[in-house]
N, C-alpha and C. Protein backbone atom coordinates (compact mmCIF):
# COMPACT_ATOMS: atom_id res chain seq x y z
N MET A 1 -8.54 -22.86 12.25
CA MET A 1 -9.66 -21.69 12.37
C MET A 1 -8.69 -20.46 13.05
N ILE A 2 -9.20 -19.53 12.63
CA ILE A 2 -8.67 -18.34 13.37
C ILE A 2 -9.40 -17.88 14.48
N SER A 3 -8.53 -17.75 15.44
CA SER A 3 -9.01 -17.39 16.79
C SER A 3 -9.69 -16.00 16.78
N PRO A 4 -10.92 -15.71 17.58
CA PRO A 4 -11.54 -14.42 17.76
C PRO A 4 -10.46 -13.34 18.06
N SER A 5 -9.75 -13.77 18.97
CA SER A 5 -8.89 -12.77 19.54
C SER A 5 -7.77 -12.30 18.61
N LYS A 6 -7.37 -13.07 17.56
CA LYS A 6 -6.62 -12.70 16.57
C LYS A 6 -7.42 -11.67 15.56
N ILE A 7 -8.69 -12.09 15.39
CA ILE A 7 -9.51 -11.09 14.52
C ILE A 7 -9.80 -9.64 14.96
N VAL A 8 -9.86 -9.79 16.52
CA VAL A 8 -10.07 -8.58 17.23
C VAL A 8 -8.86 -7.72 17.21
N ALA A 9 -7.65 -8.53 17.64
CA ALA A 9 -6.30 -7.62 17.60
C ALA A 9 -6.22 -6.93 16.21
N SER A 10 -6.32 -7.82 15.10
CA SER A 10 -5.97 -7.04 13.75
C SER A 10 -6.91 -5.82 13.58
N THR A 11 -8.23 -6.07 13.93
CA THR A 11 -9.18 -4.97 13.62
C THR A 11 -8.90 -3.65 14.47
N VAL A 12 -8.50 -3.82 15.58
CA VAL A 12 -7.92 -2.99 16.39
C VAL A 12 -6.54 -2.11 16.11
N LEU A 13 -5.94 -3.02 15.55
CA LEU A 13 -4.66 -2.43 14.83
C LEU A 13 -5.03 -1.58 13.77
N LEU A 14 -5.62 -1.97 13.05
CA LEU A 14 -6.18 -1.31 11.74
C LEU A 14 -6.79 -0.18 11.84
N LEU A 15 -8.01 -0.34 12.60
CA LEU A 15 -8.79 1.03 13.04
C LEU A 15 -8.10 1.92 13.69
N GLY A 16 -7.03 1.54 14.66
CA GLY A 16 -6.30 2.57 15.41
C GLY A 16 -5.24 3.17 14.97
N MET A 17 -4.70 2.57 13.73
CA MET A 17 -3.51 3.02 13.37
C MET A 17 -3.29 4.43 13.36
N ALA A 18 -4.18 5.32 12.62
CA ALA A 18 -4.23 6.86 12.61
C ALA A 18 -4.44 7.36 13.86
N ALA A 19 -5.50 6.89 14.57
CA ALA A 19 -5.94 7.63 15.97
C ALA A 19 -4.75 7.35 16.77
N CYS A 20 -4.01 6.23 17.04
CA CYS A 20 -2.98 6.29 18.11
C CYS A 20 -2.09 7.34 17.91
N ARG A 21 -1.78 7.84 16.70
CA ARG A 21 -0.38 8.68 16.57
C ARG A 21 -0.93 10.27 16.56
N LYS A 22 -2.16 10.50 17.07
CA LYS A 22 -2.40 11.88 16.92
C LYS A 22 -1.76 12.75 18.01
N ASN A 23 -1.43 12.41 19.09
CA ASN A 23 -0.96 12.83 20.25
C ASN A 23 0.59 12.94 20.33
N GLU A 24 1.16 12.10 19.34
CA GLU A 24 2.61 11.97 19.39
C GLU A 24 3.31 12.94 18.15
N VAL A 25 4.57 13.20 18.50
CA VAL A 25 5.39 14.20 17.58
C VAL A 25 5.97 13.25 16.71
N ALA A 26 5.84 13.33 15.38
CA ALA A 26 6.29 12.34 14.41
C ALA A 26 6.32 12.89 13.08
N LYS A 27 7.35 12.63 12.55
CA LYS A 27 7.34 12.70 11.19
C LYS A 27 6.73 11.95 10.12
N MET A 28 6.37 10.86 10.59
CA MET A 28 5.40 9.79 9.72
C MET A 28 4.00 10.44 9.81
N GLN A 29 3.41 10.44 8.61
CA GLN A 29 2.15 10.81 8.33
C GLN A 29 1.52 9.71 8.04
N LEU A 30 0.32 9.16 8.89
CA LEU A 30 -0.28 8.13 8.55
C LEU A 30 -1.80 8.31 8.32
N SER A 31 -2.39 7.89 7.29
CA SER A 31 -3.90 8.20 7.00
C SER A 31 -4.37 6.96 6.61
N VAL A 32 -5.59 6.67 6.94
CA VAL A 32 -6.53 5.26 6.66
C VAL A 32 -7.56 5.78 5.80
N ILE A 33 -7.69 5.31 4.38
CA ILE A 33 -8.91 5.46 3.52
C ILE A 33 -9.66 4.29 3.16
N ASP A 34 -10.82 4.50 3.41
CA ASP A 34 -11.91 3.38 3.02
C ASP A 34 -12.36 3.32 1.77
N ILE A 35 -11.99 2.17 0.96
CA ILE A 35 -12.35 1.76 -0.53
C ILE A 35 -13.12 0.62 -0.61
N PRO A 36 -14.23 0.47 -1.11
CA PRO A 36 -14.77 -0.88 -1.20
C PRO A 36 -13.76 -1.77 -2.21
N ILE A 37 -13.81 -3.08 -1.82
CA ILE A 37 -12.80 -3.92 -2.73
C ILE A 37 -13.35 -3.91 -4.14
N GLN A 38 -14.42 -3.90 -4.50
CA GLN A 38 -15.18 -3.80 -5.92
C GLN A 38 -14.75 -2.54 -6.56
N GLU A 39 -14.39 -1.57 -6.00
CA GLU A 39 -14.06 -0.18 -6.63
C GLU A 39 -12.43 -0.38 -6.62
N ARG A 40 -11.78 -1.08 -5.88
CA ARG A 40 -10.30 -1.33 -6.13
C ARG A 40 -10.20 -2.13 -7.11
N ASN A 41 -11.02 -3.21 -7.39
CA ASN A 41 -10.62 -3.93 -8.48
C ASN A 41 -11.11 -3.20 -9.85
N GLU A 42 -12.17 -2.69 -9.91
CA GLU A 42 -12.68 -2.02 -11.01
C GLU A 42 -11.51 -0.82 -11.67
N GLY A 43 -11.11 0.03 -10.54
CA GLY A 43 -10.32 0.90 -10.77
C GLY A 43 -8.91 0.45 -11.47
N TYR A 44 -8.53 -0.72 -10.93
CA TYR A 44 -7.38 -1.38 -11.40
C TYR A 44 -7.44 -1.97 -12.94
N LEU A 45 -8.77 -2.44 -13.15
CA LEU A 45 -8.93 -2.90 -14.26
C LEU A 45 -9.06 -2.01 -15.34
N ASP A 46 -9.55 -0.83 -15.00
CA ASP A 46 -9.50 0.22 -15.93
C ASP A 46 -8.22 0.68 -16.29
N TRP A 47 -7.38 0.89 -15.08
CA TRP A 47 -6.09 1.17 -15.42
C TRP A 47 -5.38 0.40 -16.34
N LEU A 48 -5.36 -0.94 -16.34
CA LEU A 48 -4.97 -2.13 -17.31
C LEU A 48 -5.43 -1.85 -18.71
N HIS A 49 -6.69 -1.50 -18.46
CA HIS A 49 -7.27 -1.18 -20.03
C HIS A 49 -6.67 -0.03 -20.78
N ASP A 50 -6.01 0.91 -19.89
CA ASP A 50 -5.55 2.22 -20.51
C ASP A 50 -4.24 1.89 -20.76
N HIS A 51 -3.63 0.75 -20.34
CA HIS A 51 -2.17 0.55 -20.34
C HIS A 51 -2.10 -1.09 -21.01
N LYS A 52 -2.40 -1.18 -22.26
CA LYS A 52 -2.35 -2.26 -22.74
C LYS A 52 -1.05 -3.09 -22.87
N ASP A 53 0.07 -2.40 -22.95
CA ASP A 53 1.19 -3.03 -22.86
C ASP A 53 1.49 -3.74 -21.59
N VAL A 54 1.22 -3.37 -20.65
CA VAL A 54 1.31 -3.99 -19.28
C VAL A 54 0.22 -5.20 -19.24
N LEU A 55 -0.96 -5.04 -19.74
CA LEU A 55 -1.87 -6.20 -19.77
C LEU A 55 -1.02 -7.46 -20.57
N ARG A 56 -0.66 -6.93 -21.80
CA ARG A 56 -0.05 -7.95 -22.72
C ARG A 56 1.41 -8.69 -22.05
N THR A 57 2.03 -7.79 -21.36
CA THR A 57 3.12 -8.50 -20.61
C THR A 57 2.59 -9.43 -19.54
N LEU A 58 1.43 -9.06 -18.90
CA LEU A 58 0.87 -9.85 -17.79
C LEU A 58 0.46 -11.16 -18.31
N GLN A 59 -0.09 -10.89 -19.52
CA GLN A 59 -0.68 -12.13 -20.08
C GLN A 59 0.24 -13.11 -20.80
N LEU A 60 1.19 -12.57 -21.14
CA LEU A 60 2.52 -13.47 -21.69
C LEU A 60 3.30 -13.99 -20.78
N ARG A 61 3.15 -13.61 -19.54
CA ARG A 61 3.96 -13.99 -18.31
C ARG A 61 3.29 -15.41 -18.04
N ASP A 62 1.89 -15.38 -17.88
CA ASP A 62 1.29 -16.44 -17.42
C ASP A 62 0.07 -16.59 -18.34
N PRO A 63 0.14 -17.26 -19.61
CA PRO A 63 -0.57 -17.33 -20.42
C PRO A 63 -1.85 -18.17 -20.15
N GLY A 64 -3.00 -17.77 -20.16
CA GLY A 64 -4.24 -18.45 -19.94
C GLY A 64 -4.66 -18.35 -18.41
N LYS A 65 -3.92 -17.57 -17.64
CA LYS A 65 -4.39 -17.35 -16.11
C LYS A 65 -5.02 -16.17 -16.08
N ALA A 66 -5.91 -15.87 -15.17
CA ALA A 66 -6.56 -14.71 -14.84
C ALA A 66 -5.66 -13.91 -14.04
N ILE A 67 -5.99 -12.48 -14.30
CA ILE A 67 -5.25 -11.59 -13.76
C ILE A 67 -6.00 -11.54 -12.30
N ILE A 68 -5.17 -11.63 -11.08
CA ILE A 68 -5.67 -11.58 -9.84
C ILE A 68 -5.09 -10.50 -8.94
N LEU A 69 -5.91 -9.45 -8.41
CA LEU A 69 -5.31 -8.52 -7.39
C LEU A 69 -5.34 -9.29 -6.12
N LYS A 70 -4.12 -9.28 -5.52
CA LYS A 70 -3.80 -9.80 -4.20
C LYS A 70 -3.86 -8.69 -3.19
N ILE A 71 -4.36 -9.20 -1.88
CA ILE A 71 -4.21 -8.44 -0.87
C ILE A 71 -3.59 -9.09 0.18
N PRO A 72 -2.76 -8.73 0.97
CA PRO A 72 -2.64 -7.49 1.06
C PRO A 72 -1.47 -7.08 0.03
N GLU A 73 -1.08 -5.58 -0.22
CA GLU A 73 -0.35 -5.29 -1.24
C GLU A 73 0.22 -3.98 -0.60
N LEU A 74 1.57 -4.00 -0.64
CA LEU A 74 2.52 -2.84 -0.07
C LEU A 74 3.31 -2.20 -1.23
N ASN A 75 3.25 -0.91 -1.43
CA ASN A 75 3.90 -0.21 -2.43
C ASN A 75 4.87 0.98 -1.76
N LEU A 76 6.18 0.92 -1.99
CA LEU A 76 7.02 2.09 -1.52
C LEU A 76 7.31 3.00 -2.77
N TYR A 77 7.16 4.21 -2.79
CA TYR A 77 7.45 4.96 -3.63
C TYR A 77 8.54 6.16 -3.24
N SER A 78 9.59 6.59 -3.94
CA SER A 78 10.61 7.56 -3.67
C SER A 78 9.86 8.75 -3.52
N PRO A 79 10.52 9.94 -3.04
CA PRO A 79 10.06 11.39 -3.16
C PRO A 79 9.73 11.62 -4.76
N THR A 80 10.58 11.38 -5.64
CA THR A 80 10.35 11.30 -7.09
C THR A 80 9.12 10.67 -7.64
N GLY A 81 8.64 9.61 -6.95
CA GLY A 81 7.37 8.94 -7.43
C GLY A 81 7.69 7.75 -7.86
N LYS A 82 9.00 7.24 -7.76
CA LYS A 82 9.41 6.02 -8.50
C LYS A 82 9.11 4.72 -7.46
N LEU A 83 8.50 3.79 -8.20
CA LEU A 83 8.05 2.58 -7.22
C LEU A 83 9.53 1.94 -6.79
N LEU A 84 9.65 1.74 -5.44
CA LEU A 84 10.87 1.11 -5.12
C LEU A 84 10.54 -0.29 -4.60
N TYR A 85 9.38 -0.62 -4.12
CA TYR A 85 9.02 -1.83 -3.76
C TYR A 85 7.67 -2.11 -3.88
N ASN A 86 7.27 -3.41 -4.35
CA ASN A 86 5.77 -3.89 -4.55
C ASN A 86 5.78 -5.13 -3.96
N GLY A 87 4.91 -5.65 -3.06
CA GLY A 87 4.89 -7.01 -2.39
C GLY A 87 3.55 -7.27 -2.09
N THR A 88 3.07 -8.55 -2.08
CA THR A 88 1.81 -8.93 -1.99
C THR A 88 1.96 -10.23 -1.00
N ASP A 89 2.89 -10.42 0.01
CA ASP A 89 2.91 -11.16 0.92
C ASP A 89 3.20 -10.56 2.15
N ALA A 90 2.29 -10.86 3.05
CA ALA A 90 2.00 -9.94 4.39
C ALA A 90 3.43 -10.21 5.14
N ALA A 91 3.89 -11.25 5.13
CA ALA A 91 5.14 -11.62 6.09
C ALA A 91 6.31 -10.82 5.44
N LYS A 92 6.49 -10.90 4.14
CA LYS A 92 7.66 -10.46 3.60
C LYS A 92 7.56 -9.06 3.48
N ASN A 93 6.13 -8.43 3.54
CA ASN A 93 6.15 -6.76 3.46
C ASN A 93 6.33 -6.33 4.88
N ALA A 94 5.92 -7.21 5.86
CA ALA A 94 6.20 -6.89 7.37
C ALA A 94 7.50 -6.66 7.45
N ALA A 95 8.35 -7.75 7.19
CA ALA A 95 9.80 -7.77 7.17
C ALA A 95 10.45 -6.66 6.26
N PHE A 96 9.81 -6.27 5.36
CA PHE A 96 10.25 -5.08 4.34
C PHE A 96 10.24 -3.70 5.15
N LEU A 97 8.85 -3.49 5.84
CA LEU A 97 8.77 -2.52 6.67
C LEU A 97 9.70 -2.49 7.80
N LYS A 98 9.86 -3.46 8.59
CA LYS A 98 10.91 -3.55 9.91
C LYS A 98 12.22 -3.06 9.26
N GLY A 99 12.71 -3.21 8.17
CA GLY A 99 14.11 -3.04 7.61
C GLY A 99 14.02 -1.61 7.29
N LEU A 100 13.05 -0.88 7.11
CA LEU A 100 13.04 0.60 6.66
C LEU A 100 13.72 1.34 7.87
N GLU A 101 13.69 0.66 9.17
CA GLU A 101 14.28 1.39 10.34
C GLU A 101 15.97 1.69 10.03
N GLY A 102 16.46 0.89 9.27
CA GLY A 102 17.81 0.93 8.75
C GLY A 102 18.24 2.11 7.56
N GLY A 103 17.08 2.51 7.04
CA GLY A 103 17.09 3.71 5.91
C GLY A 103 16.29 3.13 4.74
N MET A 104 16.00 4.00 4.09
CA MET A 104 15.29 3.95 2.89
C MET A 104 16.03 3.61 1.87
N PRO A 105 15.26 2.88 0.69
CA PRO A 105 16.34 2.41 -0.31
C PRO A 105 16.67 3.41 -1.20
N LYS A 106 17.52 3.37 -1.86
CA LYS A 106 17.98 4.51 -2.94
C LYS A 106 17.50 4.17 -4.19
N ASP A 107 17.02 5.17 -4.90
CA ASP A 107 16.09 5.06 -6.26
C ASP A 107 16.98 4.18 -7.25
N SER A 108 17.99 4.22 -7.18
CA SER A 108 19.10 3.42 -8.10
C SER A 108 19.17 1.89 -7.42
N SER A 109 18.51 1.68 -6.44
CA SER A 109 18.92 0.02 -5.86
C SER A 109 17.73 -0.76 -6.40
N VAL A 110 16.60 -0.31 -6.97
CA VAL A 110 15.54 -1.03 -7.39
C VAL A 110 15.08 -0.64 -8.76
N THR A 111 14.79 -1.61 -9.59
CA THR A 111 14.28 -1.33 -10.95
C THR A 111 12.86 -1.56 -10.87
N ASP A 112 12.17 -0.58 -11.36
CA ASP A 112 10.56 -0.77 -11.47
C ASP A 112 10.41 -1.27 -12.95
N ASP A 113 9.61 -2.31 -12.72
CA ASP A 113 9.26 -3.22 -14.13
C ASP A 113 8.30 -2.73 -14.87
N GLY A 114 7.59 -1.52 -14.37
CA GLY A 114 6.50 -0.85 -15.16
C GLY A 114 5.24 -1.58 -15.11
N LEU A 115 5.19 -2.62 -14.45
CA LEU A 115 3.70 -3.31 -14.46
C LEU A 115 2.88 -3.10 -13.42
N HIS A 116 3.13 -1.74 -12.74
CA HIS A 116 2.39 -1.33 -11.43
C HIS A 116 1.90 -0.05 -11.69
N PRO A 117 0.91 0.29 -11.26
CA PRO A 117 0.48 1.87 -11.30
C PRO A 117 1.41 2.72 -10.42
N SER A 118 1.67 3.80 -11.24
CA SER A 118 2.59 4.75 -10.37
C SER A 118 1.88 5.28 -9.13
N LEU A 119 2.25 6.22 -8.16
CA LEU A 119 1.47 6.89 -7.26
C LEU A 119 0.62 7.92 -7.81
N ALA A 120 1.22 8.59 -8.93
CA ALA A 120 0.47 9.46 -9.55
C ALA A 120 -0.95 8.74 -10.08
N ASP A 121 -0.59 7.44 -10.62
CA ASP A 121 -1.91 6.84 -11.37
C ASP A 121 -2.89 6.53 -10.37
N TYR A 122 -2.28 5.79 -8.97
CA TYR A 122 -3.31 5.64 -7.95
C TYR A 122 -3.97 6.67 -7.68
N LEU A 123 -3.51 7.87 -7.33
CA LEU A 123 -4.31 9.06 -6.95
C LEU A 123 -5.24 9.38 -8.00
N LYS A 124 -4.93 9.06 -9.21
CA LYS A 124 -6.10 9.15 -10.45
C LYS A 124 -7.30 8.22 -10.31
N ILE A 125 -6.78 7.05 -10.05
CA ILE A 125 -7.68 5.97 -10.12
C ILE A 125 -8.63 5.99 -9.03
N TYR A 126 -8.17 6.28 -7.85
CA TYR A 126 -9.15 6.17 -6.73
C TYR A 126 -9.42 7.72 -6.24
N PRO A 127 -10.77 8.21 -6.34
CA PRO A 127 -11.21 9.45 -5.92
C PRO A 127 -10.85 9.70 -4.47
N GLN A 128 -10.82 8.66 -3.73
CA GLN A 128 -10.70 8.82 -2.42
C GLN A 128 -9.51 9.28 -1.95
N LEU A 129 -8.55 9.17 -2.78
CA LEU A 129 -6.87 9.40 -2.90
C LEU A 129 -6.53 10.85 -3.31
N ASN A 130 -7.49 11.35 -3.98
CA ASN A 130 -7.37 12.73 -4.84
C ASN A 130 -7.05 13.81 -3.70
N SER A 131 -7.47 13.85 -2.54
CA SER A 131 -7.12 14.90 -1.49
C SER A 131 -5.53 14.84 -1.10
N TYR A 132 -4.83 13.73 -1.47
CA TYR A 132 -3.50 13.76 -1.27
C TYR A 132 -2.71 14.20 -2.34
N LYS A 133 -3.22 14.32 -3.42
CA LYS A 133 -2.46 14.90 -4.43
C LYS A 133 -1.63 16.28 -4.51
N GLU A 134 -2.24 17.30 -3.64
CA GLU A 134 -1.62 18.44 -3.67
C GLU A 134 -0.51 18.30 -2.67
N ALA A 135 -0.80 17.56 -1.47
CA ALA A 135 0.16 17.37 -0.43
C ALA A 135 1.42 16.68 -0.94
N ILE A 136 1.29 15.74 -1.82
CA ILE A 136 2.41 14.88 -2.32
C ILE A 136 3.19 15.78 -3.25
N ALA A 137 2.62 16.75 -3.98
CA ALA A 137 3.27 17.51 -4.99
C ALA A 137 4.15 18.59 -4.19
N LYS A 138 3.52 19.02 -3.21
CA LYS A 138 4.13 20.17 -2.25
C LYS A 138 5.37 19.56 -1.40
N GLU A 139 5.03 18.48 -0.78
CA GLU A 139 5.96 17.99 0.05
C GLU A 139 6.48 16.64 -0.34
N PRO A 140 7.45 16.50 -1.30
CA PRO A 140 7.94 15.29 -1.88
C PRO A 140 8.34 14.44 -0.66
N ARG A 141 7.97 13.34 -0.25
CA ARG A 141 8.64 12.25 0.61
C ARG A 141 8.64 11.04 0.36
N PHE A 142 9.10 10.20 0.89
CA PHE A 142 8.79 8.50 0.64
C PHE A 142 7.47 8.23 0.95
N THR A 143 6.79 7.62 0.02
CA THR A 143 5.25 7.24 0.40
C THR A 143 4.99 5.78 0.28
N ILE A 144 4.40 5.22 1.36
CA ILE A 144 3.90 3.87 1.22
C ILE A 144 2.48 3.89 0.98
N LEU A 145 2.03 3.17 0.04
CA LEU A 145 0.71 2.82 -0.45
C LEU A 145 0.43 1.36 0.08
N ALA A 146 -0.46 1.05 0.99
CA ALA A 146 -0.81 -0.17 1.46
C ALA A 146 -2.25 -0.52 1.23
N PHE A 147 -2.42 -1.68 0.42
CA PHE A 147 -3.79 -2.08 0.39
C PHE A 147 -4.15 -3.34 1.64
N THR A 148 -5.12 -2.82 2.30
CA THR A 148 -5.18 -4.17 3.32
C THR A 148 -6.68 -4.22 3.68
N SER A 149 -7.07 -5.16 4.54
CA SER A 149 -8.23 -5.44 4.92
C SER A 149 -8.32 -5.98 6.33
N LYS A 150 -9.18 -5.53 7.28
CA LYS A 150 -9.47 -6.11 8.41
C LYS A 150 -10.22 -7.30 8.51
N ASP A 151 -10.84 -7.45 7.33
CA ASP A 151 -11.60 -8.81 7.05
C ASP A 151 -10.91 -9.72 6.54
N PHE A 152 -9.55 -9.95 6.60
CA PHE A 152 -8.92 -10.93 5.97
C PHE A 152 -7.49 -11.05 6.94
N MET A 153 -7.64 -12.15 7.55
CA MET A 153 -6.43 -12.38 8.74
C MET A 153 -5.04 -12.49 7.88
N ILE A 154 -5.11 -12.70 6.53
CA ILE A 154 -3.68 -12.79 5.93
C ILE A 154 -3.10 -11.57 5.85
N CYS A 155 -3.87 -10.40 6.14
CA CYS A 155 -3.28 -8.93 6.01
C CYS A 155 -2.65 -8.68 7.30
N ALA A 156 -2.97 -9.44 8.38
CA ALA A 156 -2.47 -9.26 9.82
C ALA A 156 -1.04 -8.79 10.01
N PRO A 157 0.04 -9.43 9.43
CA PRO A 157 1.10 -9.34 9.82
C PRO A 157 1.70 -7.94 9.18
N GLN A 158 1.07 -7.49 7.88
CA GLN A 158 1.35 -6.29 7.31
C GLN A 158 0.76 -5.16 8.23
N ASN A 159 -0.55 -5.25 8.65
CA ASN A 159 -1.22 -4.39 9.46
C ASN A 159 -0.40 -4.19 10.89
N GLU A 160 0.18 -5.23 11.26
CA GLU A 160 0.86 -5.11 12.61
C GLU A 160 2.12 -4.34 12.38
N ALA A 161 2.85 -4.56 11.19
CA ALA A 161 4.00 -3.88 11.08
C ALA A 161 3.83 -2.33 10.84
N ILE A 162 2.61 -2.05 10.02
CA ILE A 162 2.67 -0.55 9.88
C ILE A 162 2.03 0.12 11.14
N ALA A 163 1.50 -0.54 11.92
CA ALA A 163 0.86 0.13 13.30
C ALA A 163 2.33 -0.03 14.17
N SER A 164 3.25 -0.55 14.15
CA SER A 164 4.39 -0.59 14.75
C SER A 164 5.48 0.16 14.21
N MET A 165 5.38 0.69 13.22
CA MET A 165 6.44 1.64 12.60
C MET A 165 6.91 2.74 13.41
N PRO A 166 8.20 3.00 13.51
CA PRO A 166 8.72 3.86 14.27
C PRO A 166 8.41 5.34 13.94
N LYS A 167 8.09 6.05 14.60
CA LYS A 167 7.36 7.55 14.25
C LYS A 167 8.34 8.57 13.84
N GLY A 168 9.62 8.33 14.03
CA GLY A 168 10.73 9.24 13.51
C GLY A 168 10.98 8.98 12.08
N LEU A 169 10.40 8.04 11.08
CA LEU A 169 10.68 7.97 9.92
C LEU A 169 10.01 8.98 9.23
N ASP A 170 10.61 9.69 8.09
CA ASP A 170 10.23 10.85 7.22
C ASP A 170 9.49 10.05 6.13
N LEU A 171 8.19 9.88 6.44
CA LEU A 171 7.47 8.98 5.64
C LEU A 171 5.97 9.36 5.47
N ARG A 172 5.22 9.16 4.57
CA ARG A 172 3.88 9.14 4.20
C ARG A 172 3.42 7.85 4.18
N VAL A 173 2.29 7.34 4.85
CA VAL A 173 1.84 6.20 4.69
C VAL A 173 0.27 6.51 4.51
N LEU A 174 -0.01 5.99 3.39
CA LEU A 174 -1.56 5.89 3.07
C LEU A 174 -1.96 4.26 2.99
N VAL A 175 -2.87 4.07 4.13
CA VAL A 175 -3.14 2.63 4.10
C VAL A 175 -4.77 2.88 3.74
N VAL A 176 -4.96 1.89 2.49
CA VAL A 176 -6.19 1.89 1.74
C VAL A 176 -6.86 0.54 2.48
N SER A 177 -7.77 0.87 3.43
CA SER A 177 -8.63 -0.38 3.93
C SER A 177 -9.77 -0.61 3.04
N LEU A 178 -9.60 -1.95 2.51
CA LEU A 178 -10.55 -2.52 1.61
C LEU A 178 -11.92 -2.97 2.52
N LYS A 179 -12.89 -2.51 1.81
CA LYS A 179 -14.34 -2.94 2.49
C LYS A 179 -14.95 -3.89 1.69
N LYS A 180 -15.50 -4.80 2.05
CA LYS A 180 -16.50 -6.09 1.60
C LYS A 180 -17.62 -5.18 0.78
């Protein structure tokens, strides 16, 4: 059983991520965007419908299994928009985020398997992200797109890692807080 103190701690971390940074001089830009879980699922399924090659590959990889959207999810995109990291394990995502203190991965160090939406796709899929399109085009930088929820304790390690990221990283962080 999850203790109430852990639920409160995770909720405070998630809700306070953007607010706690307002008075600090930082390169990192952090934004929290609320999206209903159902809308996230429908948007992704619509994207899959438009990318039948991805759907076929996923179906061939695990025949007979349903496609499941996991949370948390963490994506890191290069300034050129290339997917450098995709993870759905909160502890591994937290370790990855802590590793960014040593520097950002190089575009050539990771191969995008093409099975995930690009950053540009995500900006189209979810209207709540449209307001970031212009800033991303004007100011290319590494961008984290994190899907999480304060309602699921499984997300806590990722939430805590995002909240404690060094402020000096030249990074845009978009935290999509999924609501029931």
